[in-house]
């Protein structure tokens, strides 16, 4: 009964904030970028995948486990257009309160850009950066339930324009190891800007309600995940008819079926002798958004990854298409003390 009450409470929290807008009309959308290669390979979003990877807790704090004691996850992403993404997550288990905690940062470096005014006059260069810092915790409830929370400090700096904000996530996770089944529910980015870019009207954060399930097959080294996002609103699509007529689109339908499936991210993982991990994902919304030109890549929305799992070091790589560009992300998992993972 208490589990159901908590689930209803989080749904209520989400419903109260339904007025918040979607990505593209919100500020700090970089907080939704995957911080580690395993998440990127899973389609860029996953809150329920069965894995001993502290980096996964960045998207759902309820995934933190005691086995992640002093685990360190670090990641580098050579993103499109020369953008560099660095992330770090470290976790600990506190015996007395029987609580898992973690700290993390996800940092974006956009390189050096030319600063101009509206007329094109050059005033020098600047280096824009974004980052989000997180403190996460999880606590077990009875045999199969985990409750989690995240506190975020968000900062954005573009030349003379600076902004910061705070947000919280609330996560719930059910895990039955005997059946290889895991499900999760997360309410993300409940918060506000503390400082606006130009001392004007405060912008809204990229609020999101997500639900995910993962099932590991009993007689095969396979597990499958399905994650639903933006559950607070049905239509997440933007359709500019004049833009479509000018540039042409591929499969840019905003009908009922397309609105439904673009809430989903599907993924699968194959484990080979518990030492090699092969991952594939498909993000329906990403494919829809990237297929805006007639020259769109047929592989938009697909992601792939591979992991080599040594006893004391896990190495993971992820890649995927953004139209004609590939990203390359590498993550390392290890233990501070050199113990096995």
Protein backbone atom coordinates (compact mmCIF):
# COMPACT_ATOMS: atom_id res chain seq x y z
CA UNK A 1 0.00 0.00 0.00
CA UNK A 2 2.80 2.44 0.85
CA UNK A 3 4.48 1.75 -2.48
CA UNK A 4 1.25 2.64 -4.30
CA UNK A 5 0.84 5.80 -2.24
CA UNK A 6 4.35 6.94 -3.14
CA UNK A 7 3.73 6.21 -6.84
CA UNK A 8 0.50 8.26 -6.75
CA UNK A 9 2.34 11.08 -4.94
CA UNK A 10 4.93 11.35 -7.71
CA UNK A 11 2.21 11.30 -10.36
CA UNK A 12 0.54 14.16 -8.50
CA UNK A 13 3.82 16.10 -8.44
CA UNK A 14 4.03 15.70 -12.20
CA UNK A 15 0.43 16.73 -12.81
CA UNK A 16 0.88 19.89 -10.75
CA UNK A 17 3.69 20.94 -13.11
CA UNK A 18 1.99 20.12 -16.41
CA UNK A 19 2.08 23.77 -17.40
CA UNK A 20 5.83 23.51 -17.97
CA UNK A 21 6.79 23.51 -21.63
CA UNK A 22 8.71 21.00 -23.72
CA UNK A 23 12.30 20.94 -24.94
CA UNK A 24 13.04 23.65 -27.47
CA UNK A 25 10.94 26.12 -25.49
CA UNK A 26 12.79 25.53 -22.22
CA UNK A 27 16.13 26.53 -20.77
CA UNK A 28 19.08 24.23 -19.87
CA UNK A 29 18.13 21.43 -22.27
CA UNK A 30 21.71 20.15 -22.02
CA UNK A 31 20.74 18.49 -18.69
CA UNK A 32 19.00 15.82 -20.78
CA UNK A 33 22.15 14.82 -22.66
CA UNK A 34 23.44 11.32 -21.74
CA UNK A 35 26.39 11.50 -19.37
CA UNK A 36 27.85 8.05 -20.01
CA UNK A 37 28.42 5.74 -22.97
CA UNK A 38 26.03 3.05 -21.77
CA UNK A 39 23.09 5.47 -21.74
CA UNK A 40 24.09 6.86 -25.15
CA UNK A 41 24.22 3.35 -26.60
CA UNK A 42 20.78 2.61 -25.12
CA UNK A 43 19.24 5.37 -27.26
CA UNK A 44 20.17 8.36 -25.10
CA UNK A 45 17.59 7.68 -22.39
CA UNK A 46 17.15 4.78 -19.99
CA UNK A 47 16.02 4.74 -16.35
CA UNK A 48 15.67 0.99 -15.71
CA UNK A 49 18.58 -0.89 -17.30
CA UNK A 50 20.01 -3.71 -15.14
CA UNK A 51 23.69 -2.81 -14.77
CA UNK A 52 26.40 -2.22 -12.17
CA UNK A 53 27.25 1.21 -13.57
CA UNK A 54 27.17 4.25 -11.29
CA UNK A 55 26.82 6.50 -14.34
CA UNK A 56 23.30 5.15 -14.95
CA UNK A 57 22.15 6.83 -11.72
CA UNK A 58 22.58 10.22 -13.39
CA UNK A 59 19.19 9.69 -15.06
CA UNK A 60 17.55 7.80 -12.21
CA UNK A 61 19.00 8.10 -8.67
CA UNK A 62 17.02 5.03 -7.56
CA UNK A 63 19.48 2.89 -9.59
CA UNK A 64 22.26 3.50 -7.03
CA UNK A 65 23.24 0.27 -5.25
CA UNK A 66 25.61 -0.73 -2.38
CA UNK A 67 27.74 -2.63 -4.95
CA UNK A 68 28.71 0.76 -6.38
CA UNK A 69 30.66 1.63 -3.21
CA UNK A 70 33.58 3.89 -4.23
CA UNK A 71 32.88 3.29 -7.91
CA UNK A 72 33.99 5.99 -10.36
CA UNK A 73 32.44 6.54 -13.78
CA UNK A 74 34.14 8.97 -16.12
CA UNK A 75 33.20 9.73 -19.71
CA UNK A 76 34.33 11.76 -22.73
CA UNK A 77 32.10 12.51 -25.72
CA UNK A 78 33.50 13.96 -28.94
CA UNK A 79 30.16 15.37 -29.96
CA UNK A 80 29.03 16.94 -33.22
CA UNK A 81 30.30 20.35 -34.43
CA UNK A 82 33.42 20.15 -32.24
CA UNK A 83 31.47 20.14 -28.97
CA UNK A 84 33.25 18.32 -26.13
CA UNK A 85 31.35 16.69 -23.26
CA UNK A 86 33.03 15.50 -20.04
CA UNK A 87 31.31 13.77 -17.14
CA UNK A 88 32.22 12.27 -13.79
CA UNK A 89 30.13 10.25 -11.32
CA UNK A 90 31.29 8.68 -8.05
CA UNK A 91 29.20 6.70 -5.54
CA UNK A 92 29.47 5.55 -1.92
CA UNK A 93 27.44 3.38 0.44
CA UNK A 94 26.81 4.70 3.96
CA UNK A 95 26.37 1.79 6.39
CA UNK A 96 24.62 3.48 9.28
CA UNK A 97 21.75 5.10 7.35
CA UNK A 98 21.91 2.24 4.79
CA UNK A 99 21.86 4.82 2.02
CA UNK A 100 23.70 5.14 -1.28
CA UNK A 101 24.97 8.58 -2.28
CA UNK A 102 26.70 9.89 -5.38
CA UNK A 103 28.04 13.13 -6.77
CA UNK A 104 28.28 13.90 -10.48
CA UNK A 105 29.03 16.60 -13.01
CA UNK A 106 28.25 16.81 -16.73
CA UNK A 107 30.23 19.54 -18.49
CA UNK A 108 29.90 20.89 -22.05
CA UNK A 109 32.68 22.81 -23.83
CA UNK A 110 31.58 24.43 -27.11
CA UNK A 111 35.04 25.61 -28.11
CA UNK A 112 36.01 29.15 -29.10
CA UNK A 113 33.43 31.18 -31.01
CA UNK A 114 33.59 34.58 -32.71
CA UNK A 115 31.63 37.28 -30.91
CA UNK A 116 29.76 39.70 -33.18
CA UNK A 117 26.88 42.13 -32.98
CA UNK A 118 23.70 42.05 -35.07
CA UNK A 119 25.44 43.89 -37.91
CA UNK A 120 28.26 41.36 -38.08
CA UNK A 121 30.96 43.50 -36.44
CA UNK A 122 33.54 41.31 -34.71
CA UNK A 123 34.32 42.04 -31.05
CA UNK A 124 36.64 39.14 -30.34
CA UNK A 125 36.00 35.58 -29.20
CA UNK A 126 34.35 33.82 -26.28
CA UNK A 127 34.10 30.29 -24.89
CA UNK A 128 30.55 29.21 -24.01
CA UNK A 129 30.16 26.43 -21.41
CA UNK A 130 27.30 24.62 -19.71
CA UNK A 131 27.37 22.24 -16.77
CA UNK A 132 25.14 20.53 -14.25
CA UNK A 133 26.29 19.27 -10.85
CA UNK A 134 24.25 16.64 -9.05
CA UNK A 135 24.02 15.06 -5.60
CA UNK A 136 22.05 11.80 -5.63
CA UNK A 137 20.86 9.29 -3.06
CA UNK A 138 18.89 6.04 -2.93
CA UNK A 139 17.44 3.96 -0.14
CA UNK A 140 16.02 0.44 -0.17
CA UNK A 141 12.43 -0.18 0.86
CA UNK A 142 11.58 -3.79 1.73
CA UNK A 143 12.81 -6.48 -0.67
CA UNK A 144 12.43 -5.03 -4.15
CA UNK A 145 11.84 -1.29 -3.95
CA UNK A 146 14.31 1.59 -4.14
CA UNK A 147 13.57 5.28 -3.63
CA UNK A 148 15.89 7.96 -4.99
CA UNK A 149 16.35 11.69 -5.20
CA UNK A 150 18.63 14.16 -7.00
CA UNK A 151 19.49 17.78 -6.26
CA UNK A 152 20.93 19.75 -9.21
CA UNK A 153 22.83 22.98 -9.62
CA UNK A 154 22.79 24.15 -13.24
CA UNK A 155 25.06 26.80 -14.73
CA UNK A 156 25.29 28.31 -18.21
CA UNK A 157 27.79 30.91 -19.42
CA UNK A 158 27.77 32.51 -22.92
CA UNK A 159 30.11 35.54 -22.96
CA UNK A 160 28.41 38.26 -20.92
CA UNK A 161 25.24 36.21 -20.57
CA UNK A 162 25.19 34.01 -17.49
CA UNK A 163 22.42 31.98 -15.91
CA UNK A 164 22.01 29.44 -13.13
CA UNK A 165 19.22 27.30 -11.75
CA UNK A 166 18.31 24.55 -9.30
CA UNK A 167 16.21 21.43 -9.80
CA UNK A 168 15.31 18.11 -8.22
CA UNK A 169 14.47 14.64 -9.55
CA UNK A 170 12.46 11.97 -7.73
CA UNK A 171 12.89 8.33 -8.73
CA UNK A 172 11.25 5.02 -7.89
CA UNK A 173 12.64 1.63 -8.87
CA UNK A 174 11.34 -1.95 -8.53
CA UNK A 175 13.90 -4.72 -9.06
CA UNK A 176 13.30 -8.49 -8.89
CA UNK A 177 16.68 -10.15 -9.52
CA UNK A 178 15.19 -13.67 -9.53
CA UNK A 179 13.04 -12.76 -12.54
CA UNK A 180 15.49 -10.37 -14.19
CA UNK A 181 12.84 -7.66 -14.17
CA UNK A 182 13.21 -3.97 -13.40
CA UNK A 183 10.82 -1.06 -13.74
CA UNK A 184 11.28 2.61 -12.90
CA UNK A 185 9.43 5.89 -12.68
CA UNK A 186 11.11 9.32 -12.56
CA UNK A 187 9.91 12.90 -12.32
CA UNK A 188 12.71 15.13 -13.59
CA UNK A 189 13.81 18.76 -13.46
CA UNK A 190 11.36 20.22 -10.98
CA UNK A 191 12.89 23.60 -10.28
CA UNK A 192 13.52 27.12 -11.54
CA UNK A 193 16.09 29.60 -12.75
CA UNK A 194 17.89 31.43 -9.96
CA UNK A 195 19.58 33.90 -12.29
CA UNK A 196 18.34 34.70 -15.79
CA UNK A 197 20.58 35.44 -18.78
CA UNK A 198 19.59 39.10 -19.04
CA UNK A 199 17.75 39.86 -15.79
CA UNK A 200 14.47 39.34 -17.58
CA UNK A 201 11.60 36.88 -17.28
CA UNK A 202 12.53 33.49 -15.87
CA UNK A 203 12.40 30.61 -18.34
CA UNK A 204 11.09 27.14 -17.60
CA UNK A 205 13.19 24.05 -17.04
CA UNK A 206 12.84 20.90 -19.23
CA UNK A 207 10.39 19.10 -16.95
CA UNK A 208 9.81 15.44 -17.78
CA UNK A 209 7.91 12.41 -16.45
CA UNK A 210 9.41 9.07 -17.49
CA UNK A 211 8.59 5.38 -17.09
CA UNK A 212 10.79 2.45 -18.06
CA UNK A 213 10.97 -1.35 -17.94
CA UNK A 214 13.83 -3.79 -18.48
CA UNK A 215 13.55 -7.58 -18.77
CA UNK A 216 16.48 -9.96 -18.75
CA UNK A 217 15.78 -13.30 -20.43
CA UNK A 218 16.11 -16.35 -18.19
CA UNK A 219 17.73 -18.65 -20.77
CA UNK A 220 19.63 -16.22 -22.97
CA UNK A 221 22.23 -13.50 -22.29
CA UNK A 222 19.85 -10.81 -23.52
CA UNK A 223 17.92 -8.00 -21.91
CA UNK A 224 15.50 -5.52 -23.45
CA UNK A 225 14.38 -2.08 -22.34
CA UNK A 226 11.55 0.26 -23.23
CA UNK A 227 11.50 3.81 -21.89
CA UNK A 228 8.68 6.34 -22.24
CA UNK A 229 9.34 10.06 -21.79
CA UNK A 230 7.30 13.30 -21.68
CA UNK A 231 4.33 11.46 -20.22
CA UNK A 232 2.91 14.77 -18.98
CA UNK A 233 1.74 15.63 -22.51
CA UNK A 234 0.75 13.54 -25.50
CA UNK A 235 1.86 15.68 -28.45
CA UNK A 236 5.59 16.42 -28.21
CA UNK A 237 6.04 17.24 -31.90
CA UNK A 238 6.56 20.57 -33.61
CA UNK A 239 5.43 20.93 -37.20
CA UNK A 240 6.30 24.07 -39.20
CA UNK A 241 4.38 23.72 -42.47
CA UNK A 242 6.15 26.64 -44.21
CA UNK A 243 9.56 25.19 -43.28
CA UNK A 244 8.47 21.77 -44.55
CA UNK A 245 7.34 23.25 -47.86
CA UNK A 246 10.64 25.10 -48.32
CA UNK A 247 13.13 22.41 -47.32
CA UNK A 248 11.21 19.15 -47.57
CA UNK A 249 10.91 16.50 -44.87
CA UNK A 250 10.96 12.76 -44.49
CA UNK A 251 8.32 11.05 -42.35
CA UNK A 252 7.51 14.25 -40.48
CA UNK A 253 3.92 13.22 -39.82
CA UNK A 254 2.32 14.52 -36.63
CA UNK A 255 -0.54 12.01 -36.70
CA UNK A 256 -1.73 9.96 -33.72
CA UNK A 257 0.61 7.00 -34.23
CA UNK A 258 3.67 9.20 -34.68
CA UNK A 259 2.76 11.22 -31.61
CA UNK A 260 2.47 7.98 -29.65
CA UNK A 261 5.71 6.25 -30.70
CA UNK A 262 7.87 9.36 -30.38
CA UNK A 263 7.47 9.02 -26.62
CA UNK A 264 9.46 5.78 -26.74
CA UNK A 265 13.10 4.70 -26.67
CA UNK A 266 13.76 0.98 -27.29
CA UNK A 267 17.02 -0.83 -26.55
CA UNK A 268 18.61 -4.24 -26.19
CA UNK A 269 21.82 -5.64 -24.73
CA UNK A 270 23.70 -8.86 -25.41
CA UNK A 271 26.17 -10.17 -22.83
CA UNK A 272 28.89 -12.48 -24.14
CA UNK A 273 30.38 -14.56 -21.31
CA UNK A 274 29.78 -11.62 -18.92
CA UNK A 275 32.87 -9.96 -20.41
CA UNK A 276 31.64 -8.34 -23.61
CA UNK A 277 28.52 -6.18 -23.78
CA UNK A 278 26.90 -5.25 -27.10
CA UNK A 279 24.17 -2.60 -27.01
CA UNK A 280 21.76 -1.14 -29.54
CA UNK A 281 19.09 1.52 -29.13
CA UNK A 282 16.47 3.39 -31.14
CA UNK A 283 15.13 6.81 -30.20
CA UNK A 284 11.91 7.54 -32.10
CA UNK A 285 11.75 11.25 -31.25
CA UNK A 286 15.38 11.84 -32.22
CA UNK A 287 14.77 10.22 -35.59
CA UNK A 288 11.68 12.36 -36.17
CA UNK A 289 13.52 15.56 -35.24
CA UNK A 290 16.60 14.80 -37.35
CA UNK A 291 14.69 13.74 -40.47
CA UNK A 292 13.88 17.32 -41.41
CA UNK A 293 15.75 17.53 -44.70
CA UNK A 294 15.34 15.42 -47.81
CA UNK A 295 18.98 14.34 -47.32
CA UNK A 296 18.36 12.87 -43.85
CA UNK A 297 20.40 9.82 -42.87
CA UNK A 298 18.48 6.53 -42.74
CA UNK A 299 20.34 5.67 -39.53
CA UNK A 300 19.06 8.68 -37.58
CA UNK A 301 17.76 7.56 -34.21
CA UNK A 302 19.89 4.40 -34.03
CA UNK A 303 22.72 4.05 -31.51
CA UNK A 304 25.27 1.30 -30.97
CA UNK A 305 27.72 0.47 -28.22
CA UNK A 306 30.19 -2.11 -27.01
CA UNK A 307 31.63 -2.74 -23.57
CA UNK A 308 34.68 -4.71 -22.42
CA UNK A 309 34.16 -5.70 -18.78
CA UNK A 310 37.39 -6.56 -17.00
CA UNK A 311 37.37 -7.41 -13.30
CA UNK A 312 38.69 -4.01 -12.22
CA UNK A 313 37.86 -1.86 -15.22
CA UNK A 314 34.84 -1.53 -17.49
CA UNK A 315 35.41 0.19 -20.84
CA UNK A 316 32.40 1.24 -22.91
CA UNK A 317 32.07 2.94 -26.28
CA UNK A 318 28.95 4.39 -27.91
CA UNK A 319 28.20 5.96 -31.27
CA UNK A 320 25.24 7.11 -33.32
CA UNK A 321 24.24 9.32 -36.24
CA UNK A 322 23.11 12.94 -36.16
CA UNK A 323 22.27 13.19 -39.88
CA UNK A 324 25.71 13.07 -41.55
CA UNK A 325 27.69 13.25 -38.30
CA UNK A 326 28.74 10.55 -35.84
CA UNK A 327 29.41 11.07 -32.15
CA UNK A 328 32.01 9.03 -30.28
CA UNK A 329 31.71 8.53 -26.53
CA UNK A 330 34.03 6.52 -24.28
CA UNK A 331 33.40 5.74 -20.61
CA UNK A 332 35.49 4.08 -17.92
CA UNK A 333 34.21 2.46 -14.72
CA UNK A 334 36.59 1.57 -11.92
CA UNK A 335 36.86 1.45 -8.13
CA UNK A 336 38.75 4.08 -6.14
CA UNK A 337 40.55 1.35 -4.14
CA UNK A 338 41.29 -0.84 -7.14
CA UNK A 339 38.78 -3.49 -6.04
CA UNK A 340 36.76 -5.46 -8.55
CA UNK A 341 33.49 -4.17 -10.00
